Protein backbone atom coordinates (compact mmCIF):
# COMPACT_ATOMS: atom_id res chain seq x y z
CA GLY A 1 -2.69 -13.57 40.12
CA LEU A 2 -0.77 -12.45 43.20
CA MET A 3 1.15 -9.88 41.15
CA VAL A 4 -2.09 -8.22 39.97
CA ARG A 5 -3.71 -8.32 43.41
CA GLU A 6 -0.87 -6.28 44.87
CA LEU A 7 -1.39 -3.47 42.36
CA SER A 8 -3.02 -0.16 43.20
CA PHE A 9 -6.41 0.58 41.61
CA PHE A 10 -4.77 2.77 38.95
CA ASP A 11 -2.25 0.04 38.14
CA LYS A 12 -5.03 -2.55 37.86
CA VAL A 13 -6.80 -0.37 35.29
CA ALA A 14 -3.46 0.13 33.48
CA PHE A 15 -2.85 -3.64 33.54
CA PHE A 16 -6.33 -4.35 32.14
CA LEU A 17 -5.82 -1.85 29.29
CA ASN A 18 -2.34 -3.21 28.67
CA LEU A 19 -3.72 -6.74 28.42
CA ILE A 20 -6.28 -5.66 25.78
CA ILE A 21 -3.72 -3.69 23.74
CA GLY A 22 -1.13 -6.51 23.96
CA VAL A 23 -3.64 -9.14 22.84
CA LEU A 24 -4.86 -6.92 19.96
CA LEU A 25 -1.27 -6.53 18.77
CA LEU A 26 -0.70 -10.29 18.82
CA LEU A 27 -4.01 -10.90 17.02
CA SER A 28 -3.10 -8.45 14.27
CA CYS A 29 0.00 -10.60 13.61
CA LEU A 30 -2.33 -13.39 12.47
CA ALA A 31 -4.03 -11.23 9.81
CA PRO A 32 -1.60 -12.06 6.96
CA TYR A 33 -2.20 -15.78 7.42
CA ILE A 34 -5.97 -15.93 7.76
CA SER A 35 -8.46 -15.42 4.96
CA VAL A 36 -10.87 -12.51 5.30
CA LYS A 37 -13.70 -14.97 4.75
CA THR A 38 -12.60 -17.05 7.72
CA PHE A 39 -12.42 -14.25 10.27
CA PHE A 40 -13.09 -10.71 9.08
CA PRO A 41 -12.24 -8.70 12.27
CA LEU A 42 -8.54 -9.52 11.83
CA ALA A 43 -8.48 -7.69 8.51
CA PHE A 44 -10.05 -4.70 10.22
CA LEU A 45 -7.48 -4.88 13.01
CA SER A 46 -4.56 -5.03 10.58
CA LEU A 47 -5.46 -1.54 9.30
CA PHE A 48 -4.55 -0.09 12.68
CA PHE A 49 -1.44 -2.15 13.31
CA PRO A 50 1.04 0.80 13.52
CA ILE A 51 -1.14 2.58 16.09
CA ILE A 52 -1.62 -0.53 18.25
CA PHE A 53 2.12 -1.18 18.05
CA ILE A 54 2.99 2.34 19.16
CA ILE A 55 0.44 2.33 22.03
CA ASN A 56 2.20 -0.70 23.54
CA ILE A 57 5.46 1.22 24.01
CA PRO A 58 4.33 3.64 26.79
CA PHE A 59 3.05 0.59 28.73
CA ILE A 60 6.51 -1.02 28.59
CA LEU A 61 8.09 2.21 29.86
CA TYR A 62 5.44 2.65 32.56
CA TRP A 63 5.91 -0.84 34.04
CA LEU A 64 9.70 -0.53 33.88
CA PHE A 65 9.38 2.76 35.76
CA ARG A 66 7.12 1.08 38.33
CA LYS A 67 9.60 -1.85 38.51
CA LYS A 68 6.86 -4.37 37.70
CA LYS A 69 7.45 -7.51 35.67
CA ILE A 70 4.25 -6.76 33.71
CA PHE A 71 6.49 -4.92 31.20
CA ILE A 72 7.15 -8.39 29.74
CA LEU A 73 3.57 -8.55 28.37
CA SER A 74 3.91 -5.66 25.89
CA SER A 75 7.59 -6.39 25.26
CA VAL A 76 6.79 -9.89 24.00
CA ALA A 77 3.88 -8.61 21.87
CA VAL A 78 6.07 -5.86 20.37
CA LEU A 79 8.92 -8.28 19.60
CA ILE A 80 6.66 -10.88 18.00
CA SER A 81 4.90 -8.29 15.84
CA TYR A 82 8.16 -6.66 14.84
CA PHE A 83 9.47 -10.01 13.63
CA THR A 84 6.18 -10.76 11.89
CA PHE A 85 6.11 -7.52 9.93
CA GLY A 86 9.78 -6.64 9.84
CA SER A 87 10.43 -3.10 8.83
CA PHE A 88 7.12 -1.24 8.92
CA TYR A 89 9.29 1.66 10.02
CA ARG A 90 12.65 1.94 8.31
CA PHE A 91 15.60 3.96 9.52
CA GLY A 92 16.72 4.44 5.97
CA SER A 93 19.37 2.62 4.06
CA SER A 94 22.14 3.47 1.72
CA ASN A 95 20.46 4.36 -1.54
CA VAL A 96 22.58 3.28 -4.45
CA TYR A 97 22.81 6.09 -6.97
CA SER A 98 20.92 4.95 -10.00
CA GLU A 99 22.45 5.55 -13.38
CA ASP A 100 20.79 6.60 -16.60
CA ASN A 101 20.63 3.07 -17.83
CA ASP A 102 18.73 1.82 -14.76
CA LEU A 103 14.96 1.52 -14.92
CA SER A 104 12.82 3.98 -12.94
CA ILE A 105 9.15 3.32 -12.20
CA MET A 106 6.47 5.50 -10.64
CA THR A 107 3.03 4.60 -9.31
CA TYR A 108 0.48 7.30 -8.50
CA ASN A 109 -3.23 7.34 -7.71
CA THR A 110 -4.14 10.86 -8.91
CA ARG A 111 -7.78 10.74 -7.72
CA GLY A 112 -8.89 11.91 -11.13
CA PHE A 113 -6.88 15.14 -10.71
CA ASN A 114 -9.71 16.79 -8.80
CA PHE A 115 -8.26 17.02 -5.34
CA LYS A 116 -9.83 20.40 -4.45
CA GLY A 117 -12.92 20.03 -6.62
CA TRP A 118 -13.29 20.25 -10.37
CA SER A 119 -12.67 24.00 -10.54
CA ASN A 120 -8.97 23.24 -10.13
CA PHE A 121 -8.94 20.29 -12.49
CA LYS A 122 -6.57 21.86 -15.04
CA LEU A 123 -4.31 23.33 -12.39
CA THR A 124 -3.99 20.03 -10.49
CA ARG A 125 -3.45 18.12 -13.70
CA ASN A 126 -0.73 20.51 -14.87
CA LYS A 127 1.03 20.39 -11.50
CA ILE A 128 1.02 16.57 -11.60
CA ILE A 129 2.37 16.59 -15.16
CA ASP A 130 5.08 19.09 -14.10
CA PHE A 131 6.03 16.78 -11.24
CA VAL A 132 6.21 13.77 -13.57
CA ASP A 133 8.31 15.78 -16.06
CA GLU A 134 10.71 16.70 -13.29
CA GLN A 135 11.12 13.12 -12.00
CA ASP A 136 11.11 11.71 -15.54
CA PRO A 137 10.51 8.00 -14.73
CA ASP A 138 10.81 5.42 -17.54
CA ILE A 139 7.48 3.83 -16.67
CA ILE A 140 4.44 5.32 -14.91
CA CYS A 141 1.34 3.59 -13.63
CA PHE A 142 -1.56 5.90 -12.80
CA GLN A 143 -4.69 4.78 -10.97
CA GLU A 144 -7.86 6.92 -11.15
CA SER A 145 -6.13 8.85 -13.88
CA LYS A 146 -8.98 10.37 -15.96
CA TRP A 147 -7.52 12.08 -18.99
CA ILE A 148 -3.79 12.83 -18.95
CA GLY A 149 -3.47 14.67 -22.23
CA PRO A 150 -0.88 15.09 -24.97
CA ARG A 151 1.74 16.87 -22.85
CA LEU A 152 2.73 13.64 -21.16
CA SER A 153 2.55 11.60 -24.35
CA LYS A 154 5.45 13.37 -26.06
CA ASN A 155 7.87 11.87 -23.48
CA TYR A 156 6.05 8.56 -23.40
CA PRO A 157 5.47 7.28 -26.91
CA PHE A 158 4.05 3.99 -25.61
CA LYS A 159 0.92 3.78 -23.48
CA TYR A 160 -1.96 1.54 -22.53
CA ILE A 161 -5.02 3.24 -21.03
CA THR A 162 -8.43 1.97 -19.90
CA PRO A 163 -10.68 2.68 -22.91
CA TYR A 164 -13.38 5.36 -22.60
CA THR A 165 -16.06 2.80 -23.36
CA SER A 166 -15.05 0.71 -20.34
CA GLN A 167 -17.10 0.67 -17.13
CA LYS A 168 -13.84 0.58 -15.16
CA SER A 169 -12.19 3.54 -13.44
CA SER A 170 -9.39 4.87 -15.60
CA GLN A 171 -5.91 3.39 -15.28
CA ALA A 172 -2.88 4.14 -17.41
CA ILE A 173 0.55 2.67 -18.09
CA PHE A 174 3.00 5.06 -19.80
CA SER A 175 6.35 3.81 -21.03
CA LYS A 176 9.45 5.09 -22.79
CA TYR A 177 10.05 1.53 -23.96
CA PRO A 178 7.90 -0.33 -26.50
CA ILE A 179 4.76 -2.08 -25.24
CA VAL A 180 4.55 -5.34 -27.20
CA ALA A 181 1.36 -6.75 -25.60
CA ASN A 182 -1.23 -5.62 -23.09
CA GLY A 183 -4.45 -6.67 -21.42
CA SER A 184 -7.00 -6.08 -18.70
CA LEU A 185 -7.92 -8.50 -15.91
CA GLU A 186 -11.54 -7.22 -15.82
CA PHE A 187 -12.32 -7.75 -12.11
CA PRO A 188 -16.01 -8.74 -11.88
CA ASP A 189 -18.77 -6.48 -10.43
CA THR A 190 -16.60 -3.44 -9.68
CA ALA A 191 -15.07 -0.31 -11.21
CA ASN A 192 -11.66 -1.38 -9.84
CA ASN A 193 -9.35 -3.28 -12.14
CA ALA A 194 -5.84 -4.37 -13.12
CA LEU A 195 -4.05 -3.72 -16.40
CA TYR A 196 -0.82 -5.22 -17.63
CA ALA A 197 1.66 -4.27 -20.34
CA ASP A 198 4.60 -6.31 -21.62
CA ILE A 199 7.51 -3.97 -22.20
CA LYS A 200 10.62 -4.56 -24.32
CA TYR A 201 13.62 -3.44 -22.29
CA LYS A 202 17.24 -4.14 -23.22
CA GLY A 203 16.44 -7.24 -25.21
CA ASP A 204 14.27 -8.55 -22.37
CA THR A 205 10.49 -8.49 -21.92
CA ILE A 206 9.12 -7.35 -18.56
CA ARG A 207 5.50 -7.49 -17.51
CA ILE A 208 4.18 -4.41 -15.69
CA TYR A 209 0.95 -4.78 -13.72
CA ASN A 210 -1.07 -1.74 -12.71
CA LEU A 211 -3.31 -2.93 -9.88
CA HIS A 212 -6.14 -0.97 -8.27
CA LEU A 213 -7.90 -3.13 -5.68
CA GLN A 214 -11.38 -2.56 -4.30
CA SER A 215 -11.83 0.89 -2.74
CA PHE A 216 -13.44 1.51 0.66
CA GLN A 217 -15.51 4.52 -0.43
CA ILE A 218 -15.68 5.59 3.20
CA ILE A 219 -14.83 9.14 4.21
CA PRO A 220 -13.62 8.85 7.84
CA SER A 221 -14.84 12.33 8.84
CA ARG A 222 -18.41 11.36 7.94
CA VAL A 223 -18.56 8.30 10.17
CA LYS A 224 -19.94 10.11 13.19
CA SER A 225 -22.95 8.19 14.51
CA VAL A 226 -23.13 4.61 15.84
CA ARG A 227 -25.44 3.67 12.96
CA ARG A 228 -22.88 4.97 10.48
CA VAL A 229 -20.06 3.09 12.22
CA VAL A 230 -22.05 -0.16 11.93
CA ARG A 231 -22.81 0.55 8.29
CA ALA A 232 -19.15 1.43 7.56
CA TYR A 233 -18.01 -1.79 9.27
CA GLY A 234 -20.40 -3.83 7.12
CA GLN A 235 -19.21 -2.07 3.97
CA MET A 236 -15.58 -2.67 4.91
CA SER A 237 -16.17 -6.38 5.36
CA LYS A 238 -17.53 -6.53 1.78
CA THR A 239 -14.53 -4.52 0.55
CA PHE A 240 -12.02 -6.87 2.22
CA VAL A 241 -13.72 -9.92 0.68
CA LYS A 242 -13.66 -8.29 -2.78
CA GLN A 243 -10.00 -7.30 -2.40
CA GLU A 244 -9.09 -10.87 -1.53
CA GLU A 245 -10.98 -12.24 -4.55
CA GLN A 246 -9.33 -9.67 -6.83
CA VAL A 247 -5.83 -10.35 -5.55
CA GLN A 248 -6.38 -14.10 -6.08
CA LEU A 249 -7.38 -13.44 -9.70
CA PHE A 250 -4.25 -11.33 -10.12
CA ASP A 251 -2.05 -13.98 -8.47
CA LYS A 252 -3.36 -16.69 -10.81
CA HIS A 253 -2.70 -14.43 -13.82
CA ARG A 254 0.81 -13.57 -12.64
CA LYS A 255 1.70 -17.23 -12.09
CA GLU A 256 0.88 -17.90 -15.75
CA SER A 257 3.07 -15.03 -16.96
CA PRO A 258 6.19 -16.10 -18.88
CA PHE A 259 7.99 -12.83 -17.99
CA ARG A 260 9.68 -11.25 -15.01
CA THR A 261 7.24 -8.96 -13.31
CA ILE A 262 6.90 -5.52 -11.72
CA VAL A 263 3.70 -4.65 -9.88
CA CYS A 264 2.56 -1.06 -9.32
CA ALA A 265 -0.42 -1.00 -7.03
CA ASP A 266 -2.93 0.86 -4.96
CA PHE A 267 -4.07 -2.04 -2.75
CA ASN A 268 -6.41 0.08 -0.61
CA ASN A 269 -4.92 -2.03 2.16
CA THR A 270 -1.81 -2.14 4.32
CA PRO A 271 1.32 -4.36 4.39
CA PHE A 272 -0.15 -6.08 7.47
CA SER A 273 -3.03 -7.64 5.53
CA ASN A 274 -3.74 -11.00 4.00
CA VAL A 275 -4.30 -9.20 0.66
CA TYR A 276 -0.76 -7.80 0.70
CA GLY A 277 0.66 -11.21 1.66
CA ILE A 278 -0.93 -12.85 -1.40
CA ALA A 279 0.08 -9.99 -3.72
CA LYS A 280 3.67 -9.90 -2.53
CA GLY A 281 4.20 -13.64 -2.80
CA GLU A 282 7.87 -14.14 -3.62
CA MET A 283 8.42 -10.57 -4.83
CA GLN A 284 10.42 -7.76 -3.21
CA ASP A 285 8.67 -4.71 -1.81
CA THR A 286 10.85 -1.75 -2.85
CA PHE A 287 10.06 -0.01 0.47
CA ASP A 288 11.47 -2.97 2.43
CA GLU A 289 14.66 -2.72 0.41
CA LYS A 290 15.28 1.03 0.27
CA GLY A 291 12.46 2.92 2.02
CA THR A 292 12.66 5.33 4.95
CA GLY A 293 10.27 6.17 7.80
CA PHE A 294 6.73 4.80 7.63
CA GLY A 295 6.65 5.28 3.86
CA LYS A 296 3.18 6.83 4.18
CA THR A 297 1.40 7.04 0.82
CA PHE A 298 -2.13 8.03 1.83
CA ASP A 299 -3.13 11.36 3.30
CA LEU A 300 -4.91 10.40 6.51
CA LYS A 301 -4.12 12.63 9.47
CA VAL A 302 -3.13 10.18 12.20
CA VAL A 303 -2.32 6.77 10.74
CA PRO A 304 0.73 6.54 8.47
CA PHE A 305 -1.04 4.44 5.84
CA ARG A 306 1.17 2.79 3.24
CA ILE A 307 -1.28 1.46 0.68
CA ASP A 308 0.58 2.16 -2.59
CA PHE A 309 3.32 -0.25 -3.54
CA ILE A 310 5.88 -1.23 -6.11
CA LEU A 311 6.80 -4.92 -6.04
CA VAL A 312 9.59 -6.30 -8.19
CA ASP A 313 10.95 -9.69 -9.14
CA GLN A 314 13.59 -11.26 -6.87
CA SER A 315 16.10 -11.12 -9.71
CA MET A 316 16.03 -7.31 -9.82
CA ASP A 317 18.21 -5.05 -7.65
CA VAL A 318 16.30 -2.28 -5.91
CA LEU A 319 18.43 0.87 -5.92
CA THR A 320 16.13 3.59 -4.60
CA HIS A 321 12.64 4.02 -3.15
CA GLU A 322 11.05 7.37 -2.39
CA TYR A 323 7.63 8.87 -1.86
CA PHE A 324 6.71 12.52 -2.24
CA ASP A 325 4.55 14.46 0.19
CA LEU A 326 2.65 16.06 -2.67
CA LYS A 327 -0.80 17.44 -1.82
CA LEU A 328 -2.25 17.03 -5.32
CA SER A 329 -4.25 13.87 -4.59
CA ASP A 330 -5.23 11.92 -1.47
CA HIS A 331 -2.37 9.53 -2.37
CA TYR A 332 1.34 10.28 -2.64
CA PRO A 333 3.39 9.16 -5.65
CA VAL A 334 5.98 6.41 -5.15
CA LEU A 335 9.14 6.21 -7.25
CA THR A 336 11.71 3.46 -7.41
CA SER A 337 14.70 2.60 -9.55
CA ILE A 338 15.92 -0.90 -10.24
CA ARG A 339 18.73 -2.64 -12.03
CA LEU A 340 18.15 -5.81 -13.96
CA GLN A 341 20.72 -8.53 -13.36
């Protein structure tokens, strides 16, 4: 109390703001552990975790400069959240050079190839196919893929694609290795879905999941009035609940799988969420192992959103993880290579 009373008016305002920002940061650390249904605002908060984290840093510097012990407030919040979420920013790590006999996997939400409107559909599609040709992964999972066409199929003799007759948005799994079984999880009451394919690789069978969790369907630039903000908030709460239900269905399915697993996913949610916590379970996030920077995979101006993931079994060695700043969709492709022990 005495410490605050001695502050100038400007410092009191700074302290008040610091208190709010510090508390928000600590609250967002609870998001992975608390169900969306229990307390929805935490899920909302977790979306902005990187921003809240970064805003705390100038406060630490300011109070140090003013020689006030208040710097401890943000310092503690920053330390706790850093240990909660580990490496949301990575300074890079020694990528192991992958060899030809290692397995490379790509995940990519192509937004139906229509990034700049349908007039450029063919152009966008061809550029994406050129990019895939160049990277030449062994396995690709596309979300929102529409029609990919024969050009890709000549390199990938094995594929499993959402059928035309389905009410689901199109997903595809392409593989250079034989697909011996496949299936769809058929998430209820939504166009989002998950597919899986069991792939024969070096005398082993690996299950590949292609997961596309509930989408927000909110265009940030259009949320301009208070009424629209309230409506967007309500819609987001429904989305978070759906995502959690979907990820629980997936988790149950995965636990019954007899095979080692790789998950390619557009979670439409961040690594700071309860949804991610359930999905990751005991698996390795390839970004945590070999990523660099924020690993941003979604094209939103300010926030470095990482919402596309590749998760792999603990018994696999992650060799490389990269994402490509490719402006052909609102998502960026993610590519990883692994070695099976």
